[in-house]
Amino acid sequence: MTANEAVGAKVNELMFRSRTSRKDLAAHLGITGAAVSRKIYGQNSWTLEELYDVADFFHLHVSDLLPRRVESSENVKSPSPEGEGPKKLVAGAGFEPTTSGL
């Protein structure tokens, strides 16, 4: 999900909860209802000025419209037991080394 889609989802949720139509929000922003729809679905980007206007419209702080930063598991580095070296492979069950001859 892109940042524009996340903001659009939040705006859509706010509109649903407050029973606000796209036409009402569009009038406040000075754009068409179709333009609001394209922004909600992430097809068009939100400008900073529009974000401030939307926040004012719903009596929120602009940061309440922004998505939280979530790091994906690809971007999170897990520390290896021996430090910064490559991760060591561990064999699965049933592949234990033999201890015969000891």
PDB file of N, CA and C in Angstrom:
ATOM      1  N   MET A   1       0.855  -1.174   0.000  1.00  0.00           N
ATOM      2  CA  MET A   1       0.000   0.000   0.000  1.00  0.00           C
ATOM      3  C   MET A   1       0.901   1.237   0.000  1.00  0.00           C
ATOM      4  N   THR A   2       0.608   2.165  -0.881  1.00  0.00           N
ATOM      5  CA  THR A   2       1.388   3.395  -0.943  1.00  0.00           C
ATOM      6  C   THR A   2       0.900   4.376   0.126  1.00  0.00           C
ATOM      7  N   ALA A   3       1.692   5.413   0.346  1.00  0.00           N
ATOM      8  CA  ALA A   3       1.306   6.434   1.327  1.00  0.00           C
ATOM      9  C   ALA A   3       0.009   7.121   0.890  1.00  0.00           C
ATOM     10  N   ASN A   4      -0.136   7.394  -0.407  1.00  0.00           N
ATOM     11  CA  ASN A   4      -1.361   8.034  -0.892  1.00  0.00           C
ATOM     12  C   ASN A   4      -2.581   7.146  -0.682  1.00  0.00           C
ATOM     13  N   GLU A   5      -2.417   5.843  -0.881  1.00  0.00           N
ATOM     14  CA  GLU A   5      -3.519   4.918  -0.641  1.00  0.00           C
ATOM     15  C   GLU A   5      -3.862   4.852   0.841  1.00  0.00           C
ATOM     16  N   ALA A   6      -2.843   4.875   1.698  1.00  0.00           N
ATOM     17  CA  ALA A   6      -3.073   4.827   3.146  1.00  0.00           C
ATOM     18  C   ALA A   6      -3.806   6.073   3.622  1.00  0.00           C
ATOM     19  N   VAL A   7      -3.403   7.240   3.124  1.00  0.00           N
ATOM     20  CA  VAL A   7      -4.105   8.480   3.483  1.00  0.00           C
ATOM     21  C   VAL A   7      -5.533   8.427   2.958  1.00  0.00           C
ATOM     22  N   GLY A   8      -5.696   7.954   1.733  1.00  0.00           N
ATOM     23  CA  GLY A   8      -7.035   7.844   1.157  1.00  0.00           C
ATOM     24  C   GLY A   8      -7.933   6.926   1.963  1.00  0.00           C
ATOM     25  N   ALA A   9      -7.380   5.807   2.435  1.00  0.00           N
ATOM     26  CA  ALA A   9      -8.161   4.880   3.257  1.00  0.00           C
ATOM     27  C   ALA A   9      -8.580   5.549   4.561  1.00  0.00           C
ATOM     28  N   LYS A  10      -7.677   6.321   5.154  1.00  0.00           N
ATOM     29  CA  LYS A  10      -7.993   7.027   6.403  1.00  0.00           C
ATOM     30  C   LYS A  10      -9.085   8.068   6.157  1.00  0.00           C
ATOM     31  N   VAL A  11      -8.957   8.827   5.074  1.00  0.00           N
ATOM     32  CA  VAL A  11      -9.965   9.841   4.737  1.00  0.00           C
ATOM     33  C   VAL A  11     -11.311   9.173   4.477  1.00  0.00           C
ATOM     34  N   ASN A  12     -11.290   8.067   3.763  1.00  0.00           N
ATOM     35  CA  ASN A  12     -12.530   7.340   3.476  1.00  0.00           C
ATOM     36  C   ASN A  12     -13.189   6.863   4.765  1.00  0.00           C
ATOM     37  N   GLU A  13     -12.380   6.360   5.706  1.00  0.00           N
ATOM     38  CA  GLU A  13     -12.902   5.923   7.000  1.00  0.00           C
ATOM     39  C   GLU A  13     -13.521   7.103   7.759  1.00  0.00           C
ATOM     40  N   LEU A  14     -12.823   8.240   7.752  1.00  0.00           N
ATOM     41  CA  LEU A  14     -13.346   9.429   8.432  1.00  0.00           C
ATOM     42  C   LEU A  14     -14.654   9.895   7.807  1.00  0.00           C
ATOM     43  N   MET A  15     -14.719   9.845   6.496  1.00  0.00           N
ATOM     44  CA  MET A  15     -15.952  10.241   5.800  1.00  0.00           C
ATOM     45  C   MET A  15     -17.097   9.307   6.165  1.00  0.00           C
ATOM     46  N   PHE A  16     -16.808   8.015   6.219  1.00  0.00           N
ATOM     47  CA  PHE A  16     -17.839   7.034   6.572  1.00  0.00           C
ATOM     48  C   PHE A  16     -18.348   7.268   7.992  1.00  0.00           C
ATOM     49  N   ARG A  17     -17.409   7.427   8.931  1.00  0.00           N
ATOM     50  CA  ARG A  17     -17.799   7.602  10.334  1.00  0.00           C
ATOM     51  C   ARG A  17     -18.574   8.889  10.577  1.00  0.00           C
ATOM     52  N   SER A  18     -18.216   9.944   9.856  1.00  0.00           N
ATOM     53  CA  SER A  18     -18.892  11.223  10.062  1.00  0.00           C
ATOM     54  C   SER A  18     -20.055  11.431   9.087  1.00  0.00           C
ATOM     55  N   ARG A  19     -20.292  10.416   8.252  1.00  0.00           N
ATOM     56  CA  ARG A  19     -21.367  10.480   7.245  1.00  0.00           C
ATOM     57  C   ARG A  19     -21.223  11.702   6.349  1.00  0.00           C
ATOM     58  N   THR A  20     -19.991  11.916   5.918  1.00  0.00           N
ATOM     59  CA  THR A  20     -19.675  13.023   5.023  1.00  0.00           C
ATOM     60  C   THR A  20     -19.625  12.494   3.599  1.00  0.00           C
ATOM     61  N   SER A  21     -20.193  13.221   2.675  1.00  0.00           N
ATOM     62  CA  SER A  21     -20.152  12.804   1.277  1.00  0.00           C
ATOM     63  C   SER A  21     -18.880  13.325   0.610  1.00  0.00           C
ATOM     64  N   ARG A  22     -18.520  12.696  -0.480  1.00  0.00           N
ATOM     65  CA  ARG A  22     -17.363  13.168  -1.242  1.00  0.00           C
ATOM     66  C   ARG A  22     -17.621  14.561  -1.795  1.00  0.00           C
ATOM     67  N   LYS A  23     -18.872  14.815  -2.076  1.00  0.00           N
ATOM     68  CA  LYS A  23     -19.246  16.138  -2.588  1.00  0.00           C
ATOM     69  C   LYS A  23     -18.966  17.214  -1.536  1.00  0.00           C
ATOM     70  N   ASP A  24     -19.282  16.928  -0.266  1.00  0.00           N
ATOM     71  CA  ASP A  24     -19.025  17.893   0.814  1.00  0.00           C
ATOM     72  C   ASP A  24     -17.526  18.134   0.999  1.00  0.00           C
ATOM     73  N   LEU A  25     -16.756  17.051   1.008  1.00  0.00           N
ATOM     74  CA  LEU A  25     -15.312  17.198   1.160  1.00  0.00           C
ATOM     75  C   LEU A  25     -14.712  17.910  -0.043  1.00  0.00           C
ATOM     76  N   ALA A  26     -15.209  17.584  -1.230  1.00  0.00           N
ATOM     77  CA  ALA A  26     -14.718  18.226  -2.448  1.00  0.00           C
ATOM     78  C   ALA A  26     -14.968  19.725  -2.419  1.00  0.00           C
ATOM     79  N   ALA A  27     -16.142  20.127  -1.942  1.00  0.00           N
ATOM     80  CA  ALA A  27     -16.463  21.553  -1.858  1.00  0.00           C
ATOM     81  C   ALA A  27     -15.506  22.256  -0.896  1.00  0.00           C
ATOM     82  N   HIS A  28     -15.170  21.599   0.207  1.00  0.00           N
ATOM     83  CA  HIS A  28     -14.242  22.192   1.175  1.00  0.00           C
ATOM     84  C   HIS A  28     -12.837  22.327   0.575  1.00  0.00           C
ATOM     85  N   LEU A  29     -12.436  21.333  -0.235  1.00  0.00           N
ATOM     86  CA  LEU A  29     -11.106  21.347  -0.845  1.00  0.00           C
ATOM     87  C   LEU A  29     -11.042  22.178  -2.118  1.00  0.00           C
ATOM     88  N   GLY A  30     -12.190  22.498  -2.676  1.00  0.00           N
ATOM     89  CA  GLY A  30     -12.220  23.264  -3.922  1.00  0.00           C
ATOM     90  C   GLY A  30     -11.894  22.433  -5.143  1.00  0.00           C
ATOM     91  N   ILE A  31     -12.234  21.139  -5.082  1.00  0.00           N
ATOM     92  CA  ILE A  31     -12.024  20.243  -6.220  1.00  0.00           C
ATOM     93  C   ILE A  31     -13.327  19.494  -6.487  1.00  0.00           C
ATOM     94  N   THR A  32     -13.346  18.650  -7.502  1.00  0.00           N
ATOM     95  CA  THR A  32     -14.560  17.904  -7.836  1.00  0.00           C
ATOM     96  C   THR A  32     -14.656  16.632  -6.995  1.00  0.00           C
ATOM     97  N   GLY A  33     -15.856  16.086  -6.946  1.00  0.00           N
ATOM     98  CA  GLY A  33     -16.059  14.818  -6.240  1.00  0.00           C
ATOM     99  C   GLY A  33     -15.260  13.693  -6.872  1.00  0.00           C
ATOM    100  N   ALA A  34     -15.134  13.727  -8.204  1.00  0.00           N
ATOM    101  CA  ALA A  34     -14.340  12.709  -8.900  1.00  0.00           C
ATOM    102  C   ALA A  34     -12.869  12.815  -8.512  1.00  0.00           C
ATOM    103  N   ALA A  35     -12.368  14.031  -8.327  1.00  0.00           N
ATOM    104  CA  ALA A  35     -10.973  14.225  -7.918  1.00  0.00           C
ATOM    105  C   ALA A  35     -10.755  13.678  -6.509  1.00  0.00           C
ATOM    106  N   VAL A  36     -11.738  13.857  -5.630  1.00  0.00           N
ATOM    107  CA  VAL A  36     -11.643  13.294  -4.279  1.00  0.00           C
ATOM    108  C   VAL A  36     -11.590  11.774  -4.371  1.00  0.00           C
ATOM    109  N   SER A  37     -12.410  11.184  -5.216  1.00  0.00           N
ATOM    110  CA  SER A  37     -12.408   9.722  -5.386  1.00  0.00           C
ATOM    111  C   SER A  37     -11.054   9.228  -5.856  1.00  0.00           C
ATOM    112  N   ARG A  38     -10.453   9.912  -6.833  1.00  0.00           N
ATOM    113  CA  ARG A  38      -9.145   9.490  -7.335  1.00  0.00           C
ATOM    114  C   ARG A  38      -8.080   9.588  -6.248  1.00  0.00           C
ATOM    115  N   LYS A  39      -8.193  10.583  -5.382  1.00  0.00           N
ATOM    116  CA  LYS A  39      -7.238  10.724  -4.279  1.00  0.00           C
ATOM    117  C   LYS A  39      -7.459   9.621  -3.244  1.00  0.00           C
ATOM    118  N   ILE A  40      -8.707   9.318  -2.939  1.00  0.00           N
ATOM    119  CA  ILE A  40      -9.020   8.278  -1.956  1.00  0.00           C
ATOM    120  C   ILE A  40      -8.506   6.919  -2.410  1.00  0.00           C
ATOM    121  N   TYR A  41      -8.601   6.640  -3.704  1.00  0.00           N
ATOM    122  CA  TYR A  41      -8.143   5.350  -4.218  1.00  0.00           C
ATOM    123  C   TYR A  41      -6.660   5.343  -4.582  1.00  0.00           C
ATOM    124  N   GLY A  42      -5.945   6.428  -4.268  1.00  0.00           N
ATOM    125  CA  GLY A  42      -4.509   6.471  -4.486  1.00  0.00           C
ATOM    126  C   GLY A  42      -4.088   6.694  -5.923  1.00  0.00           C
ATOM    127  N   GLN A  43      -5.040   7.054  -6.789  1.00  0.00           N
ATOM    128  CA  GLN A  43      -4.713   7.294  -8.186  1.00  0.00           C
ATOM    129  C   GLN A  43      -4.062   8.664  -8.380  1.00  0.00           C
ATOM    130  N   ASN A  44      -4.411   9.618  -7.537  1.00  0.00           N
ATOM    131  CA  ASN A  44      -3.808  10.952  -7.544  1.00  0.00           C
ATOM    132  C   ASN A  44      -3.203  11.211  -6.172  1.00  0.00           C
ATOM    133  N   SER A  45      -2.138  11.978  -6.154  1.00  0.00           N
ATOM    134  CA  SER A  45      -1.449  12.286  -4.896  1.00  0.00           C
ATOM    135  C   SER A  45      -2.153  13.387  -4.128  1.00  0.00           C
ATOM    136  N   TRP A  46      -2.010  13.338  -2.811  1.00  0.00           N
ATOM    137  CA  TRP A  46      -2.502  14.394  -1.933  1.00  0.00           C
ATOM    138  C   TRP A  46      -1.425  15.465  -1.845  1.00  0.00           C
ATOM    139  N   THR A  47      -1.817  16.724  -1.935  1.00  0.00           N
ATOM    140  CA  THR A  47      -0.856  17.793  -1.698  1.00  0.00           C
ATOM    141  C   THR A  47      -0.825  18.080  -0.202  1.00  0.00           C
ATOM    142  N   LEU A  48       0.231  18.712   0.232  1.00  0.00           N
ATOM    143  CA  LEU A  48       0.344  19.048   1.651  1.00  0.00           C
ATOM    144  C   LEU A  48      -0.792  19.991   2.062  1.00  0.00           C
ATOM    145  N   GLU A  49      -1.105  20.923   1.213  1.00  0.00           N
ATOM    146  CA  GLU A  49      -2.196  21.866   1.506  1.00  0.00           C
ATOM    147  C   GLU A  49      -3.529  21.131   1.646  1.00  0.00           C
ATOM    148  N   GLU A  50      -3.760  20.134   0.786  1.00  0.00           N
ATOM    149  CA  GLU A  50      -4.994  19.349   0.887  1.00  0.00           C
ATOM    150  C   GLU A  50      -5.037  18.552   2.190  1.00  0.00           C
ATOM    151  N   LEU A  51      -3.905  18.029   2.599  1.00  0.00           N
ATOM    152  CA  LEU A  51      -3.873  17.286   3.863  1.00  0.00           C
ATOM    153  C   LEU A  51      -4.226  18.189   5.038  1.00  0.00           C
ATOM    154  N   TYR A  52      -3.687  19.411   5.026  1.00  0.00           N
ATOM    155  CA  TYR A  52      -4.041  20.364   6.089  1.00  0.00           C
ATOM    156  C   TYR A  52      -5.530  20.710   6.034  1.00  0.00           C
ATOM    157  N   ASP A  53      -6.068  20.885   4.832  1.00  0.00           N
ATOM    158  CA  ASP A  53      -7.497  21.207   4.695  1.00  0.00           C
ATOM    159  C   ASP A  53      -8.382  20.049   5.154  1.00  0.00           C
ATOM    160  N   VAL A  54      -7.991  18.829   4.822  1.00  0.00           N
ATOM    161  CA  VAL A  54      -8.759  17.651   5.254  1.00  0.00           C
ATOM    162  C   VAL A  54      -8.710  17.536   6.782  1.00  0.00           C
ATOM    163  N   ALA A  55      -7.534  17.743   7.353  1.00  0.00           N
ATOM    164  CA  ALA A  55      -7.400  17.688   8.812  1.00  0.00           C
ATOM    165  C   ALA A  55      -8.284  18.747   9.473  1.00  0.00           C
ATOM    166  N   ASP A  56      -8.303  19.951   8.921  1.00  0.00           N
ATOM    167  CA  ASP A  56      -9.180  21.007   9.450  1.00  0.00           C
ATOM    168  C   ASP A  56     -10.648  20.609   9.326  1.00  0.00           C
ATOM    169  N   PHE A  57     -11.002  20.034   8.201  1.00  0.00           N
ATOM    170  CA  PHE A  57     -12.385  19.633   7.946  1.00  0.00           C
ATOM    171  C   PHE A  57     -12.875  18.643   8.999  1.00  0.00           C
ATOM    172  N   PHE A  58     -12.001  17.681   9.376  1.00  0.00           N
ATOM    173  CA  PHE A  58     -12.384  16.664  10.355  1.00  0.00           C
ATOM    174  C   PHE A  58     -11.937  17.002  11.778  1.00  0.00           C
ATOM    175  N   HIS A  59     -11.418  18.202  11.974  1.00  0.00           N
ATOM    176  CA  HIS A  59     -10.970  18.679  13.288  1.00  0.00           C
ATOM    177  C   HIS A  59      -9.902  17.748  13.880  1.00  0.00           C
ATOM    178  N   LEU A  60      -8.900  17.443  13.065  1.00  0.00           N
ATOM    179  CA  LEU A  60      -7.792  16.578  13.454  1.00  0.00           C
ATOM    180  C   LEU A  60      -6.475  17.293  13.249  1.00  0.00           C
ATOM    181  N   HIS A  61      -5.420  16.721  13.778  1.00  0.00           N
ATOM    182  CA  HIS A  61      -4.072  17.174  13.461  1.00  0.00           C
ATOM    183  C   HIS A  61      -3.659  16.455  12.179  1.00  0.00           C
ATOM    184  N   VAL A  62      -2.898  17.119  11.350  1.00  0.00           N
ATOM    185  CA  VAL A  62      -2.532  16.531  10.059  1.00  0.00           C
ATOM    186  C   VAL A  62      -1.798  15.203  10.225  1.00  0.00           C
ATOM    187  N   SER A  63      -1.073  15.030  11.313  1.00  0.00           N
ATOM    188  CA  SER A  63      -0.353  13.765  11.526  1.00  0.00           C
ATOM    189  C   SER A  63      -1.301  12.588  11.731  1.00  0.00           C
ATOM    190  N   ASP A  64      -2.553  12.858  12.119  1.00  0.00           N
ATOM    191  CA  ASP A  64      -3.529  11.782  12.283  1.00  0.00           C
ATOM    192  C   ASP A  64      -3.937  11.167  10.947  1.00  0.00           C
ATOM    193  N   LEU A  65      -3.677  11.871   9.859  1.00  0.00           N
ATOM    194  CA  LEU A  65      -4.014  11.359   8.529  1.00  0.00           C
ATOM    195  C   LEU A  65      -2.899  10.501   7.940  1.00  0.00           C
ATOM    196  N   LEU A  66      -1.703  10.668   8.462  1.00  0.00           N
ATOM    197  CA  LEU A  66      -0.542  10.004   7.881  1.00  0.00           C
ATOM    198  C   LEU A  66      -0.381   8.590   8.410  1.00  0.00           C
ATOM    199  N   PRO A  67       0.064   7.675   7.551  1.00  0.00           N
ATOM    200  CA  PRO A  67       0.262   6.293   8.011  1.00  0.00           C
ATOM    201  C   PRO A  67       1.473   6.192   8.918  1.00  0.00           C
ATOM    202  N   ARG A  68       1.426   5.242   9.817  1.00  0.00           N
ATOM    203  CA  ARG A  68       2.574   4.954  10.672  1.00  0.00           C
ATOM    204  C   ARG A  68       3.613   4.225   9.842  1.00  0.00           C
ATOM    205  N   ARG A  69       4.862   4.471  10.155  1.00  0.00           N
ATOM    206  CA  ARG A  69       5.921   3.798   9.417  1.00  0.00           C
ATOM    207  C   ARG A  69       6.056   2.385   9.952  1.00  0.00           C
ATOM    208  N   VAL A  70       5.898   1.422   9.078  1.00  0.00           N
ATOM    209  CA  VAL A  70       6.009   0.021   9.446  1.00  0.00           C
ATOM    210  C   VAL A  70       7.113  -0.576   8.599  1.00  0.00           C
ATOM    211  N   GLU A  71       8.109  -1.100   9.273  1.00  0.00           N
ATOM    212  CA  GLU A  71       9.206  -1.711   8.538  1.00  0.00           C
ATOM    213  C   GLU A  71       8.837  -3.143   8.202  1.00  0.00           C
ATOM    214  N   SER A  72       9.052  -3.489   6.946  1.00  0.00           N
ATOM    215  CA  SER A  72       8.760  -4.853   6.533  1.00  0.00           C
ATOM    216  C   SER A  72       9.872  -5.770   7.032  1.00  0.00           C
ATOM    217  N   SER A  73       9.602  -7.038   7.049  1.00  0.00           N
ATOM    218  CA  SER A  73      10.596  -7.999   7.531  1.00  0.00           C
ATOM    219  C   SER A  73      11.832  -8.018   6.647  1.00  0.00           C
ATOM    220  N   GLU A  74      11.705  -7.572   5.388  1.00  0.00           N
ATOM    221  CA  GLU A  74      12.852  -7.510   4.487  1.00  0.00           C
ATOM    222  C   GLU A  74      13.840  -6.439   4.932  1.00  0.00           C
ATOM    223  N   ASN A  75      13.338  -5.348   5.499  1.00  0.00           N
ATOM    224  CA  ASN A  75      14.181  -4.226   5.867  1.00  0.00           C
ATOM    225  C   ASN A  75      14.747  -4.330   7.271  1.00  0.00           C
ATOM    226  N   VAL A  76      14.225  -5.243   8.061  1.00  0.00           N
ATOM    227  CA  VAL A  76      14.669  -5.368   9.443  1.00  0.00           C
ATOM    228  C   VAL A  76      15.813  -6.352   9.498  1.00  0.00           C
ATOM    229  N   LYS A  77      16.940  -5.912  10.009  1.00  0.00           N
ATOM    230  CA  LYS A  77      18.098  -6.790  10.131  1.00  0.00           C
ATOM    231  C   LYS A  77      18.057  -7.467  11.493  1.00  0.00           C
ATOM    232  N   SER A  78      18.160  -8.776  11.472  1.00  0.00           N
ATOM    233  CA  SER A  78      18.204  -9.490  12.744  1.00  0.00           C
ATOM    234  C   SER A  78      19.669  -9.754  13.074  1.00  0.00           C
ATOM    235  N   PRO A  79      20.049  -9.498  14.301  1.00  0.00           N
ATOM    236  CA  PRO A  79      21.448  -9.711  14.669  1.00  0.00           C
ATOM    237  C   PRO A  79      21.781 -11.198  14.669  1.00  0.00           C
ATOM    238  N   SER A  80      22.944 -11.534  14.143  1.00  0.00           N
ATOM    239  CA  SER A  80      23.365 -12.926  14.170  1.00  0.00           C
ATOM    240  C   SER A  80      24.063 -13.186  15.502  1.00  0.00           C
ATOM    241  N   PRO A  81      24.045 -14.410  15.974  1.00  0.00           N
ATOM    242  CA  PRO A  81      24.617 -14.710  17.288  1.00  0.00           C
ATOM    243  C   PRO A  81      26.097 -14.347  17.409  1.00  0.00           C
ATOM    244  N   GLU A  82      26.855 -14.494  16.339  1.00  0.00           N
ATOM    245  CA  GLU A  82      28.285 -14.207  16.396  1.00  0.00           C
ATOM    246  C   GLU A  82      28.611 -12.779  15.995  1.00  0.00           C
ATOM    247  N   GLY A  83      27.656 -11.927  15.849  1.00  0.00           N
ATOM    248  CA  GLY A  83      27.924 -10.546  15.453  1.00  0.00           C
ATOM    249  C   GLY A  83      27.424 -10.260  14.054  1.00  0.00           C
ATOM    250  N   GLU A  84      28.236  -9.594  13.265  1.00  0.00           N
ATOM    251  CA  GLU A  84      27.808  -9.123  11.952  1.00  0.00           C
ATOM    252  C   GLU A  84      28.102 -10.089  10.820  1.00  0.00           C
ATOM    253  N   GLY A  85      28.594 -11.264  11.094  1.00  0.00           N
ATOM    254  CA  GLY A  85      28.931 -12.211  10.041  1.00  0.00           C
ATOM    255  C   GLY A  85      27.695 -12.797   9.392  1.00  0.00           C
ATOM    256  N   PRO A  86      27.886 -13.639   8.369  1.00  0.00           N
ATOM    257  CA  PRO A  86      26.740 -14.254   7.694  1.00  0.00           C
ATOM    258  C   PRO A  86      26.020 -15.219   8.621  1.00  0.00           C
ATOM    259  N   LYS A  87      24.756 -15.409   8.374  1.00  0.00           N
ATOM    260  CA  LYS A  87      23.968 -16.325   9.194  1.00  0.00           C
ATOM    261  C   LYS A  87      24.399 -17.753   8.895  1.00  0.00           C
ATOM    262  N   LYS A  88      24.436 -18.576   9.916  1.00  0.00           N
ATOM    263  CA  LYS A  88      24.816 -19.975   9.764  1.00  0.00           C
ATOM    264  C   LYS A  88      23.555 -20.804   9.585  1.00  0.00           C
ATOM    265  N   LEU A  89      23.645 -21.816   8.755  1.00  0.00           N
ATOM    266  CA  LEU A  89      22.527 -22.715   8.531  1.00  0.00           C
ATOM    267  C   LEU A  89      22.504 -23.783   9.613  1.00  0.00           C
ATOM    268  N   VAL A  90      21.325 -24.159   9.994  1.00  0.00           N
ATOM    269  CA  VAL A  90      21.150 -25.208  10.990  1.00  0.00           C
ATOM    270  C   VAL A  90      20.365 -26.320  10.331  1.00  0.00           C
ATOM    271  N   ALA A  91      20.873 -27.540  10.446  1.00  0.00           N
ATOM    272  CA  ALA A  91      20.200 -28.681   9.841  1.00  0.00           C
ATOM    273  C   ALA A  91      18.925 -28.984  10.598  1.00  0.00           C
ATOM    274  N   GLY A  92      17.957 -29.525   9.895  1.00  0.00           N
ATOM    275  CA  GLY A  92      16.689 -29.887  10.503  1.00  0.00           C
ATOM    276  C   GLY A  92      16.792 -31.141  11.327  1.00  0.00           C
ATOM    277  N   ALA A  93      15.710 -31.499  11.990  1.00  0.00           N
ATOM    278  CA  ALA A  93      15.675 -32.703  12.831  1.00  0.00           C
ATOM    279  C   ALA A  93      15.950 -33.925  11.978  1.00  0.00           C
ATOM    280  N   GLY A  94      16.638 -34.886  12.557  1.00  0.00           N
ATOM    281  CA  GLY A  94      16.956 -36.102  11.826  1.00  0.00           C
ATOM    282  C   GLY A  94      18.316 -36.037  11.158  1.00  0.00           C
ATOM    283  N   PHE A  95      18.981 -34.894  11.212  1.00  0.00           N
ATOM    284  CA  PHE A  95      20.286 -34.753  10.585  1.00  0.00           C
ATOM    285  C   PHE A  95      21.371 -34.496  11.620  1.00  0.00           C
ATOM    286  N   GLU A  96      21.208 -35.086  12.800  1.00  0.00           N
ATOM    287  CA  GLU A  96      22.193 -34.914  13.834  1.00  0.00           C
ATOM    288  C   GLU A  96      23.469 -35.683  13.471  1.00  0.00           C
ATOM    289  N   PRO A  97      24.609 -35.143  13.843  1.00  0.00           N
ATOM    290  CA  PRO A  97      25.845 -35.881  13.529  1.00  0.00           C
ATOM    291  C   PRO A  97      25.927 -37.166  14.345  1.00  0.00           C
ATOM    292  N   THR A  98      26.562 -38.142  13.778  1.00  0.00           N
ATOM    293  CA  THR A  98      26.690 -39.401  14.492  1.00  0.00           C
ATOM    294  C   THR A  98      27.730 -39.260  15.584  1.00  0.00           C
ATOM    295  N   THR A  99      27.508 -39.978  16.667  1.00  0.00           N
ATOM    296  CA  THR A  99      28.453 -39.925  17.774  1.00  0.00           C
ATOM    297  C   THR A  99      29.128 -41.289  17.960  1.00  0.00           C
ATOM    298  N   SER A 100      28.906 -42.196  17.019  1.00  0.00           N
ATOM    299  CA  SER A 100      29.542 -43.519  17.138  1.00  0.00           C
ATOM    300  C   SER A 100      31.034 -43.368  16.892  1.00  0.00           C
ATOM    301  N   GLY A 101      31.789 -44.135  17.540  1.00  0.00           N
ATOM    302  CA  GLY A 101      33.227 -44.087  17.382  1.00  0.00           C
ATOM    303  C   GLY A 101      33.885 -43.148  18.356  1.00  0.00           C
ATOM    304  N   LEU A 102      33.113 -42.529  19.224  1.00  0.00           N
ATOM    305  CA  LEU A 102      33.708 -41.624  20.208  1.00  0.00           C
ATOM    306  C   LEU A 102      34.035 -42.339  21.461  1.00  0.00           C
TER     307      LEU A 102
END
